[in-house]
C-alpha atoms as a PDB file:
ATOM      1  CA  MET A   1     -20.449  -1.697   8.629  1.00  0.00           C
ATOM      2  CA  VAL A   2     -18.180   0.568  10.777  1.00  0.00           C
ATOM      3  CA  THR A   3     -17.390   4.179  10.875  1.00  0.00           C
ATOM      4  CA  THR A   4     -14.200   5.890  11.969  1.00  0.00           C
ATOM      5  CA  SER A   5     -13.339   9.450  12.899  1.00  0.00           C
ATOM      6  CA  ILE A   6     -11.251  10.298   9.704  1.00  0.00           C
ATOM      7  CA  ALA A   7     -14.007  11.027   7.185  1.00  0.00           C
ATOM      8  CA  TYR A   8     -14.386   7.715   5.701  1.00  0.00           C
ATOM      9  CA  ARG A   9     -16.635   4.478   6.141  1.00  0.00           C
ATOM     10  CA  LEU A  10     -15.620   0.871   5.582  1.00  0.00           C
ATOM     11  CA  ASN A  11     -18.600  -0.781   3.844  1.00  0.00           C
ATOM     12  CA  GLY A  12     -18.672  -4.438   3.286  1.00  0.00           C
ATOM     13  CA  ALA A  13     -21.086  -7.260   1.878  1.00  0.00           C
ATOM     14  CA  THR A  14     -20.692 -10.985   1.120  1.00  0.00           C
ATOM     15  CA  GLY A  15     -22.356 -13.095  -1.465  1.00  0.00           C
ATOM     16  CA  MET A  16     -22.661 -16.836  -1.876  1.00  0.00           C
ATOM     17  CA  HIS A  17     -24.617 -19.346  -4.113  1.00  0.00           C
ATOM     18  CA  ARG A  18     -24.624 -23.081  -4.354  1.00  0.00           C
ATOM     19  CA  GLY A  19     -24.389 -22.899  -7.990  1.00  0.00           C
ATOM     20  CA  ASP A  20     -25.428 -26.092  -9.838  1.00  0.00           C
ATOM     21  CA  ARG A  21     -23.537 -28.428  -7.377  1.00  0.00           C
ATOM     22  CA  ALA A  22     -25.375 -30.717  -4.931  1.00  0.00           C
ATOM     23  CA  TYR A  23     -23.483 -29.329  -1.934  1.00  0.00           C
ATOM     24  CA  GLN A  24     -22.584 -25.917  -0.819  1.00  0.00           C
ATOM     25  CA  GLN A  25     -18.758 -26.225   0.226  1.00  0.00           C
ATOM     26  CA  ASP A  26     -17.827 -22.462   0.203  1.00  0.00           C
ATOM     27  CA  GLN A  27     -18.005 -20.427   3.277  1.00  0.00           C
ATOM     28  CA  VAL A  28     -17.575 -16.602   3.598  1.00  0.00           C
ATOM     29  CA  GLU A  29     -17.792 -13.992   6.420  1.00  0.00           C
ATOM     30  CA  ILE A  30     -16.804 -10.442   7.061  1.00  0.00           C
ATOM     31  CA  ILE A  31     -16.054  -9.989  10.804  1.00  0.00           C
ATOM     32  CA  PRO A  32     -16.010  -6.534  12.203  1.00  0.00           C
ATOM     33  CA  HIS A  33     -13.529  -6.154  15.149  1.00  0.00           C
ATOM     34  CA  PRO A  34     -15.489  -6.537  18.378  1.00  0.00           C
ATOM     35  CA  ARG A  35     -13.681  -3.535  20.101  1.00  0.00           C
ATOM     36  CA  THR A  36     -12.121  -1.435  17.494  1.00  0.00           C
ATOM     37  CA  PRO A  37     -14.160   0.645  14.887  1.00  0.00           C
ATOM     38  CA  GLY A  38     -12.845   0.869  11.356  1.00  0.00           C
ATOM     39  CA  CYS A  39     -11.200  -2.622  11.387  1.00  0.00           C
ATOM     40  CA  ALA A  40     -12.582  -5.802   9.839  1.00  0.00           C
ATOM     41  CA  LEU A  41     -11.390  -9.330   8.739  1.00  0.00           C
ATOM     42  CA  ALA A  42     -12.942 -10.878   5.442  1.00  0.00           C
ATOM     43  CA  VAL A  43     -12.273 -14.493   5.181  1.00  0.00           C
ATOM     44  CA  LEU A  44     -13.377 -16.838   2.293  1.00  0.00           C
ATOM     45  CA  ALA A  45     -12.829 -20.671   2.060  1.00  0.00           C
ATOM     46  CA  ASP A  46     -13.697 -22.869  -0.902  1.00  0.00           C
ATOM     47  CA  GLY A  47     -13.792 -26.424   0.607  1.00  0.00           C
ATOM     48  CA  MET A  48     -13.016 -29.605  -1.239  1.00  0.00           C
ATOM     49  CA  GLY A  49     -13.450 -33.317  -0.486  1.00  0.00           C
ATOM     50  CA  GLY A  50     -16.406 -35.576  -0.277  1.00  0.00           C
ATOM     51  CA  LYS A  51     -19.978 -34.814   0.208  1.00  0.00           C
ATOM     52  CA  SER A  52     -19.443 -33.029   3.534  1.00  0.00           C
ATOM     53  CA  GLY A  53     -15.737 -32.873   3.771  1.00  0.00           C
ATOM     54  CA  GLY A  54     -15.325 -29.697   1.833  1.00  0.00           C
ATOM     55  CA  ARG A  55     -17.881 -27.837   3.900  1.00  0.00           C
ATOM     56  CA  LYS A  56     -16.239 -29.080   7.199  1.00  0.00           C
ATOM     57  CA  ALA A  57     -12.925 -27.734   5.975  1.00  0.00           C
ATOM     58  CA  ALA A  58     -14.394 -24.330   5.040  1.00  0.00           C
ATOM     59  CA  ASP A  59     -16.227 -24.171   8.349  1.00  0.00           C
ATOM     60  CA  GLN A  60     -12.929 -24.877  10.215  1.00  0.00           C
ATOM     61  CA  VAL A  61     -11.338 -21.841   8.571  1.00  0.00           C
ATOM     62  CA  VAL A  62     -14.130 -19.447   9.492  1.00  0.00           C
ATOM     63  CA  MET A  63     -14.178 -20.779  12.994  1.00  0.00           C
ATOM     64  CA  VAL A  64     -10.393 -20.335  13.426  1.00  0.00           C
ATOM     65  CA  ALA A  65     -10.638 -16.702  11.996  1.00  0.00           C
ATOM     66  CA  LYS A  66     -13.312 -15.744  14.560  1.00  0.00           C
ATOM     67  CA  GLN A  67     -11.247 -17.059  17.332  1.00  0.00           C
ATOM     68  CA  ILE A  68      -7.992 -15.458  16.319  1.00  0.00           C
ATOM     69  CA  TYR A  69      -9.640 -12.095  15.371  1.00  0.00           C
ATOM     70  CA  GLU A  70     -11.364 -12.024  18.868  1.00  0.00           C
ATOM     71  CA  ARG A  71      -7.864 -11.920  20.377  1.00  0.00           C
ATOM     72  CA  HIS A  72      -6.344  -9.278  18.049  1.00  0.00           C
ATOM     73  CA  VAL A  73      -5.484  -5.916  19.293  1.00  0.00           C
ATOM     74  CA  PRO A  74      -5.283  -3.662  16.092  1.00  0.00           C
ATOM     75  CA  THR A  75      -3.370  -0.865  17.737  1.00  0.00           C
ATOM     76  CA  LYS A  76      -0.712  -3.094  18.974  1.00  0.00           C
ATOM     77  CA  ASP A  77      -0.498  -6.458  17.090  1.00  0.00           C
ATOM     78  CA  ASP A  78       1.015  -7.139  13.733  1.00  0.00           C
ATOM     79  CA  PRO A  79      -1.693  -7.930  10.985  1.00  0.00           C
ATOM     80  CA  SER A  80       0.685 -10.050   9.090  1.00  0.00           C
ATOM     81  CA  ASP A  81       1.150 -12.253  12.252  1.00  0.00           C
ATOM     82  CA  LEU A  82      -2.577 -12.698  12.556  1.00  0.00           C
ATOM     83  CA  LEU A  83      -2.931 -13.860   8.881  1.00  0.00           C
ATOM     84  CA  ARG A  84      -0.008 -16.159   9.103  1.00  0.00           C
ATOM     85  CA  GLN A  85      -1.549 -17.722  12.284  1.00  0.00           C
ATOM     86  CA  LEU A  86      -4.873 -18.016  10.533  1.00  0.00           C
ATOM     87  CA  LEU A  87      -3.440 -19.915   7.721  1.00  0.00           C
ATOM     88  CA  GLU A  88      -1.317 -22.267   9.888  1.00  0.00           C
ATOM     89  CA  GLU A  89      -4.068 -22.948  12.414  1.00  0.00           C
ATOM     90  CA  SER A  90      -6.734 -23.544   9.792  1.00  0.00           C
ATOM     91  CA  HIS A  91      -4.334 -25.954   8.098  1.00  0.00           C
ATOM     92  CA  LEU A  92      -3.856 -27.806  11.266  1.00  0.00           C
ATOM     93  CA  MET A  93      -7.559 -28.032  12.201  1.00  0.00           C
ATOM     94  CA  ILE A  94      -8.424 -29.367   8.845  1.00  0.00           C
ATOM     95  CA  LYS A  95      -5.886 -32.091   9.021  1.00  0.00           C
ATOM     96  CA  LEU A  96      -7.102 -32.989  12.632  1.00  0.00           C
ATOM     97  CA  THR A  97     -10.661 -33.111  11.220  1.00  0.00           C
ATOM     98  CA  ALA A  98      -9.589 -35.554   8.517  1.00  0.00           C
ATOM     99  CA  LEU A  99      -8.357 -38.022  11.097  1.00  0.00           C
ATOM    100  CA  ALA A 100     -11.933 -38.617  12.331  1.00  0.00           C
ATOM    101  CA  ALA A 101     -13.526 -38.623   8.941  1.00  0.00           C
ATOM    102  CA  GLU A 102     -13.499 -40.809   5.859  1.00  0.00           C
ATOM    103  CA  GLU A 103     -13.249 -37.726   3.541  1.00  0.00           C
ATOM    104  CA  GLU A 104      -9.956 -35.843   2.831  1.00  0.00           C
ATOM    105  CA  PRO A 105     -11.111 -32.270   3.491  1.00  0.00           C
ATOM    106  CA  HIS A 106      -9.135 -29.576   1.861  1.00  0.00           C
ATOM    107  CA  SER A 107      -9.794 -25.737   1.448  1.00  0.00           C
ATOM    108  CA  THR A 108      -8.519 -22.620  -0.209  1.00  0.00           C
ATOM    109  CA  LEU A 109      -8.110 -19.437   1.797  1.00  0.00           C
ATOM    110  CA  ALA A 110      -8.386 -15.875   0.767  1.00  0.00           C
ATOM    111  CA  ALA A 111      -8.321 -13.263   3.814  1.00  0.00           C
ATOM    112  CA  ILE A 112      -8.333  -9.607   4.037  1.00  0.00           C
ATOM    113  CA  LEU A 113      -7.585  -7.699   7.122  1.00  0.00           C
ATOM    114  CA  VAL A 114      -8.208  -3.854   7.004  1.00  0.00           C
ATOM    115  CA  SER A 115      -6.793  -2.045  10.085  1.00  0.00           C
ATOM    116  CA  PRO A 116      -8.140   1.227  11.558  1.00  0.00           C
ATOM    117  CA  ASP A 117      -5.533   3.410   9.613  1.00  0.00           C
ATOM    118  CA  ARG A 118      -6.702   1.682   6.277  1.00  0.00           C
ATOM    119  CA  ARG A 119      -3.733  -0.540   6.091  1.00  0.00           C
ATOM    120  CA  CYS A 120      -4.755  -3.639   4.220  1.00  0.00           C
ATOM    121  CA  ASP A 121      -3.093  -7.004   4.487  1.00  0.00           C
ATOM    122  CA  ILE A 122      -3.987 -10.184   2.853  1.00  0.00           C
ATOM    123  CA  VAL A 123      -3.118 -14.048   2.764  1.00  0.00           C
ATOM    124  CA  HIS A 124      -4.140 -16.708   0.361  1.00  0.00           C
ATOM    125  CA  ALA A 125      -3.795 -20.247  -0.647  1.00  0.00           C
ATOM    126  CA  GLY A 126      -5.184 -22.027  -3.535  1.00  0.00           C
ATOM    127  CA  ASP A 127      -7.234 -20.521  -6.340  1.00  0.00           C
ATOM    128  CA  SER A 128      -9.620 -18.243  -4.415  1.00  0.00           C
ATOM    129  CA  ARG A 129      -8.485 -14.826  -5.386  1.00  0.00           C
ATOM    130  CA  ILE A 130      -8.082 -11.274  -3.890  1.00  0.00           C
ATOM    131  CA  TYR A 131      -8.504  -8.225  -6.214  1.00  0.00           C
ATOM    132  CA  HIS A 132      -7.617  -4.598  -5.218  1.00  0.00           C
ATOM    133  CA  PHE A 133      -9.409  -1.909  -7.265  1.00  0.00           C
ATOM    134  CA  ARG A 134      -8.862   1.783  -7.211  1.00  0.00           C
ATOM    135  CA  GLY A 135     -12.091   3.147  -8.556  1.00  0.00           C
ATOM    136  CA  PRO A 136     -12.968   0.922 -11.543  1.00  0.00           C
ATOM    137  CA  GLU A 137      -9.276  -0.045 -12.387  1.00  0.00           C
ATOM    138  CA  MET A 138      -7.554  -3.098 -10.976  1.00  0.00           C
ATOM    139  CA  VAL A 139      -4.305  -2.277  -9.009  1.00  0.00           C
ATOM    140  CA  ARG A 140      -3.366  -5.871  -8.411  1.00  0.00           C
ATOM    141  CA  ARG A 141      -4.656  -9.415  -7.739  1.00  0.00           C
ATOM    142  CA  THR A 142      -3.151 -12.555  -6.120  1.00  0.00           C
ATOM    143  CA  VAL A 143      -1.581 -15.220  -8.333  1.00  0.00           C
ATOM    144  CA  ASP A 144      -3.221 -18.733  -8.032  1.00  0.00           C
ATOM    145  CA  HIS A 145      -1.549 -21.642  -6.557  1.00  0.00           C
ATOM    146  CA  SER A 146      -2.785 -24.003  -9.408  1.00  0.00           C
ATOM    147  CA  PHE A 147      -1.405 -26.121 -12.204  1.00  0.00           C
ATOM    148  CA  VAL A 148      -2.562 -23.955 -14.861  1.00  0.00           C
ATOM    149  CA  GLN A 149      -0.966 -20.939 -13.222  1.00  0.00           C
ATOM    150  CA  ARG A 150       2.301 -22.759 -13.410  1.00  0.00           C
ATOM    151  CA  LEU A 151       1.678 -23.421 -17.132  1.00  0.00           C
ATOM    152  CA  ILE A 152       1.159 -19.599 -17.526  1.00  0.00           C
ATOM    153  CA  ASP A 153       4.312 -18.850 -15.732  1.00  0.00           C
ATOM    154  CA  GLU A 154       6.190 -21.205 -17.842  1.00  0.00           C
ATOM    155  CA  GLY A 155       4.715 -19.491 -21.089  1.00  0.00           C
ATOM    156  CA  GLN A 156       3.005 -22.776 -22.161  1.00  0.00           C
ATOM    157  CA  ILE A 157      -0.468 -21.190 -22.019  1.00  0.00           C
ATOM    158  CA  ASN A 158      -2.150 -17.859 -21.762  1.00  0.00           C
ATOM    159  CA  GLU A 159      -4.909 -16.609 -19.170  1.00  0.00           C
ATOM    160  CA  GLU A 160      -7.706 -17.370 -21.803  1.00  0.00           C
ATOM    161  CA  GLU A 161      -6.622 -20.804 -22.266  1.00  0.00           C
ATOM    162  CA  ALA A 162      -6.209 -21.502 -18.634  1.00  0.00           C
ATOM    163  CA  ASN A 163      -9.962 -20.895 -18.192  1.00  0.00           C
ATOM    164  CA  THR A 164     -10.867 -23.835 -20.426  1.00  0.00           C
ATOM    165  CA  HIS A 165      -7.924 -26.106 -19.525  1.00  0.00           C
ATOM    166  CA  PRO A 166      -9.118 -29.631 -18.463  1.00  0.00           C
ATOM    167  CA  GLN A 167      -6.974 -29.421 -15.369  1.00  0.00           C
ATOM    168  CA  SER A 168      -7.979 -25.985 -14.321  1.00  0.00           C
ATOM    169  CA  ASN A 169      -9.253 -27.318 -10.971  1.00  0.00           C
ATOM    170  CA  LEU A 170      -5.818 -28.951  -9.983  1.00  0.00           C
ATOM    171  CA  LEU A 171      -4.329 -26.897  -7.093  1.00  0.00           C
ATOM    172  CA  THR A 172      -0.646 -26.922  -6.280  1.00  0.00           C
ATOM    173  CA  GLY A 173      -1.194 -25.573  -2.832  1.00  0.00           C
ATOM    174  CA  CYS A 174      -4.195 -25.369  -0.366  1.00  0.00           C
ATOM    175  CA  LEU A 175      -5.041 -26.172   3.346  1.00  0.00           C
ATOM    176  CA  GLY A 176      -5.451 -29.673   4.641  1.00  0.00           C
ATOM    177  CA  THR A 177      -2.851 -31.457   2.436  1.00  0.00           C
ATOM    178  CA  HIS A 178      -0.044 -33.599   3.477  1.00  0.00           C
ATOM    179  CA  GLN A 179       2.382 -30.655   2.514  1.00  0.00           C
ATOM    180  CA  ASP A 180       2.361 -27.600   4.278  1.00  0.00           C
ATOM    181  CA  PRO A 181       0.301 -24.699   2.426  1.00  0.00           C
ATOM    182  CA  PRO A 182       2.158 -21.985   0.687  1.00  0.00           C
ATOM    183  CA  LEU A 183       2.330 -18.820   3.109  1.00  0.00           C
ATOM    184  CA  THR A 184       1.740 -16.256   0.438  1.00  0.00           C
ATOM    185  CA  GLN A 185       1.004 -12.927   2.162  1.00  0.00           C
ATOM    186  CA  GLY A 186       0.780  -9.400   0.826  1.00  0.00           C
ATOM    187  CA  HIS A 187       0.497  -5.769   1.974  1.00  0.00           C
ATOM    188  CA  PHE A 188      -1.700  -3.635  -0.172  1.00  0.00           C
ATOM    189  CA  GLY A 189      -0.514  -0.457   1.402  1.00  0.00           C
ATOM    190  CA  GLN A 190      -3.090   2.102   2.924  1.00  0.00           C
ATOM    191  CA  LEU A 191      -6.432   1.913   1.071  1.00  0.00           C
ATOM    192  CA  GLU A 192      -7.720   5.349  -0.354  1.00  0.00           C
ATOM    193  CA  VAL A 193     -11.335   6.556  -0.487  1.00  0.00           C
ATOM    194  CA  GLY A 194     -12.889   4.747  -3.487  1.00  0.00           C
ATOM    195  CA  ASP A 195     -10.768   1.661  -3.199  1.00  0.00           C
ATOM    196  CA  SER A 196     -12.356  -1.842  -3.142  1.00  0.00           C
ATOM    197  CA  VAL A 197     -10.795  -5.145  -2.127  1.00  0.00           C
ATOM    198  CA  LEU A 198     -12.670  -8.394  -3.313  1.00  0.00           C
ATOM    199  CA  ALA A 199     -12.072 -11.884  -2.300  1.00  0.00           C
ATOM    200  CA  CYS A 200     -13.772 -14.544  -4.351  1.00  0.00           C
ATOM    201  CA  SER A 201     -13.757 -18.186  -5.182  1.00  0.00           C
ATOM    202  CA  ASP A 202     -13.084 -19.599  -8.699  1.00  0.00           C
ATOM    203  CA  GLY A 203     -16.785 -20.337  -9.168  1.00  0.00           C
ATOM    204  CA  LEU A 204     -17.201 -16.394  -9.347  1.00  0.00           C
ATOM    205  CA  TRP A 205     -13.929 -14.958 -10.919  1.00  0.00           C
ATOM    206  CA  HIS A 206     -14.079 -17.509 -13.787  1.00  0.00           C
ATOM    207  CA  TYR A 207     -16.812 -15.601 -15.304  1.00  0.00           C
ATOM    208  CA  PHE A 208     -15.413 -12.040 -15.212  1.00  0.00           C
ATOM    209  CA  THR A 209     -12.505  -9.912 -16.643  1.00  0.00           C
ATOM    210  CA  PRO A 210     -10.957  -7.631 -14.134  1.00  0.00           C
ATOM    211  CA  LYS A 211     -12.435  -4.662 -16.112  1.00  0.00           C
ATOM    212  CA  GLU A 212     -15.957  -6.030 -15.608  1.00  0.00           C
ATOM    213  CA  MET A 213     -15.347  -6.574 -11.834  1.00  0.00           C
ATOM    214  CA  GLY A 214     -13.868  -3.196 -11.381  1.00  0.00           C
ATOM    215  CA  ALA A 215     -16.845  -1.349 -13.074  1.00  0.00           C
ATOM    216  CA  ILE A 216     -19.358  -3.264 -10.776  1.00  0.00           C
ATOM    217  CA  VAL A 217     -17.574  -2.822  -7.424  1.00  0.00           C
ATOM    218  CA  HIS A 218     -17.014   0.924  -8.274  1.00  0.00           C
ATOM    219  CA  THR A 219     -20.424   1.725  -9.618  1.00  0.00           C
ATOM    220  CA  LEU A 220     -22.690   0.010  -7.182  1.00  0.00           C
ATOM    221  CA  PRO A 221     -22.950   0.045  -3.345  1.00  0.00           C
ATOM    222  CA  PRO A 222     -21.251  -3.225  -1.919  1.00  0.00           C
ATOM    223  CA  ARG A 223     -24.475  -5.053  -1.282  1.00  0.00           C
ATOM    224  CA  GLU A 224     -25.937  -4.387  -4.787  1.00  0.00           C
ATOM    225  CA  ALA A 225     -22.424  -5.119  -6.408  1.00  0.00           C
ATOM    226  CA  SER A 226     -22.300  -8.406  -4.675  1.00  0.00           C
ATOM    227  CA  GLU A 227     -25.814  -9.343  -5.921  1.00  0.00           C
ATOM    228  CA  MET A 228     -24.904  -8.302  -9.359  1.00  0.00           C
ATOM    229  CA  LEU A 229     -21.685 -10.401  -9.502  1.00  0.00           C
ATOM    230  CA  VAL A 230     -23.519 -13.449  -8.219  1.00  0.00           C
ATOM    231  CA  SER A 231     -26.449 -13.065 -10.588  1.00  0.00           C
ATOM    232  CA  LYS A 232     -24.245 -12.485 -13.678  1.00  0.00           C
ATOM    233  CA  ALA A 233     -21.896 -15.409 -12.726  1.00  0.00           C
ATOM    234  CA  ARG A 234     -24.954 -17.562 -12.597  1.00  0.00           C
ATOM    235  CA  GLN A 235     -26.373 -16.519 -15.913  1.00  0.00           C
ATOM    236  CA  ARG A 236     -22.895 -16.993 -17.569  1.00  0.00           C
ATOM    237  CA  ALA A 237     -22.561 -20.572 -15.949  1.00  0.00           C
ATOM    238  CA  ARG A 238     -25.510 -21.761 -18.116  1.00  0.00           C
ATOM    239  CA  GLY A 239     -26.278 -24.512 -15.791  1.00  0.00           C
ATOM    240  CA  GLY A 240     -22.910 -25.706 -15.077  1.00  0.00           C
ATOM    241  CA  GLY A 241     -21.639 -23.424 -12.230  1.00  0.00           C
ATOM    242  CA  ASP A 242     -19.616 -24.337  -9.222  1.00  0.00           C
ATOM    243  CA  ASN A 243     -20.159 -23.059  -5.650  1.00  0.00           C
ATOM    244  CA  LEU A 244     -19.422 -19.370  -5.692  1.00  0.00           C
ATOM    245  CA  SER A 245     -18.606 -16.925  -2.812  1.00  0.00           C
ATOM    246  CA  LEU A 246     -17.332 -13.422  -2.390  1.00  0.00           C
ATOM    247  CA  ALA A 247     -16.403 -10.863   0.205  1.00  0.00           C
ATOM    248  CA  LEU A 248     -16.296  -7.087  -0.806  1.00  0.00           C
ATOM    249  CA  LEU A 249     -14.865  -4.290   1.317  1.00  0.00           C
ATOM    250  CA  ARG A 250     -14.991  -0.705   0.118  1.00  0.00           C
ATOM    251  CA  ILE A 251     -13.649   2.640   1.550  1.00  0.00           C
ATOM    252  CA  ASP A 252     -16.367   5.223   1.056  1.00  0.00           C
ATOM    253  CA  ALA A 253     -16.352   8.912   1.995  1.00  0.00           C
ATOM    254  CA  LEU A 254     -18.641  10.049   4.761  1.00  0.00           C
ATOM    255  CA  SER A 255     -21.717  12.038   3.710  1.00  0.00           C
ATOM    256  CA  ALA A 256     -21.377  15.610   4.556  1.00  0.00           C
END
């Protein structure tokens, strides 16, 4: 948690659960900037590949994020350059890891960078999503790099049908594959007091409508909201849930 001098506080929380899988292959972390208050990087990776390959891939993403963010100068450096570098270097590191392993490690990426002036930049690859809420209302979210999203775009299925499609886990882009990952960056503008930005893996968002998510992240403090989202996802999975993870950042007014 970091406090700035312009009457707002950047609050954050993470949540993670193994679900009903034998291995935890998600990784998530919120990294406050080591030298600049009011600045934070949230990074989430949903790993795939073998018993330990997915976790190795997700670990690489978080490690690269920490190294790059340590060098970042928020008052001078371009946030979009940092996020592009995060995606490209994580992709390279995962591919190098694969050379020394029997598994084929891959990972999604969902990263949020909030600058001291409340500017919010994002990058993502795969089907881990980033949502932007203003109060309880969703302003926007990322569009998955997945086979079912392509079917939605072509008008062959709708969002509800995509959730139960037998190929819902098939990705069209992620980190660590032979092809370069999609470089999909976004700029959410300047966050306002009451705004929340949520990164989450498909093991979480699969069980919620945007309206439900917005109500939870708006009504509860970030830590309690994270716990509520994880708990409800586990209940709704009914014993068949995937690994799940989330990182939540919210702009709150300072108390008088």
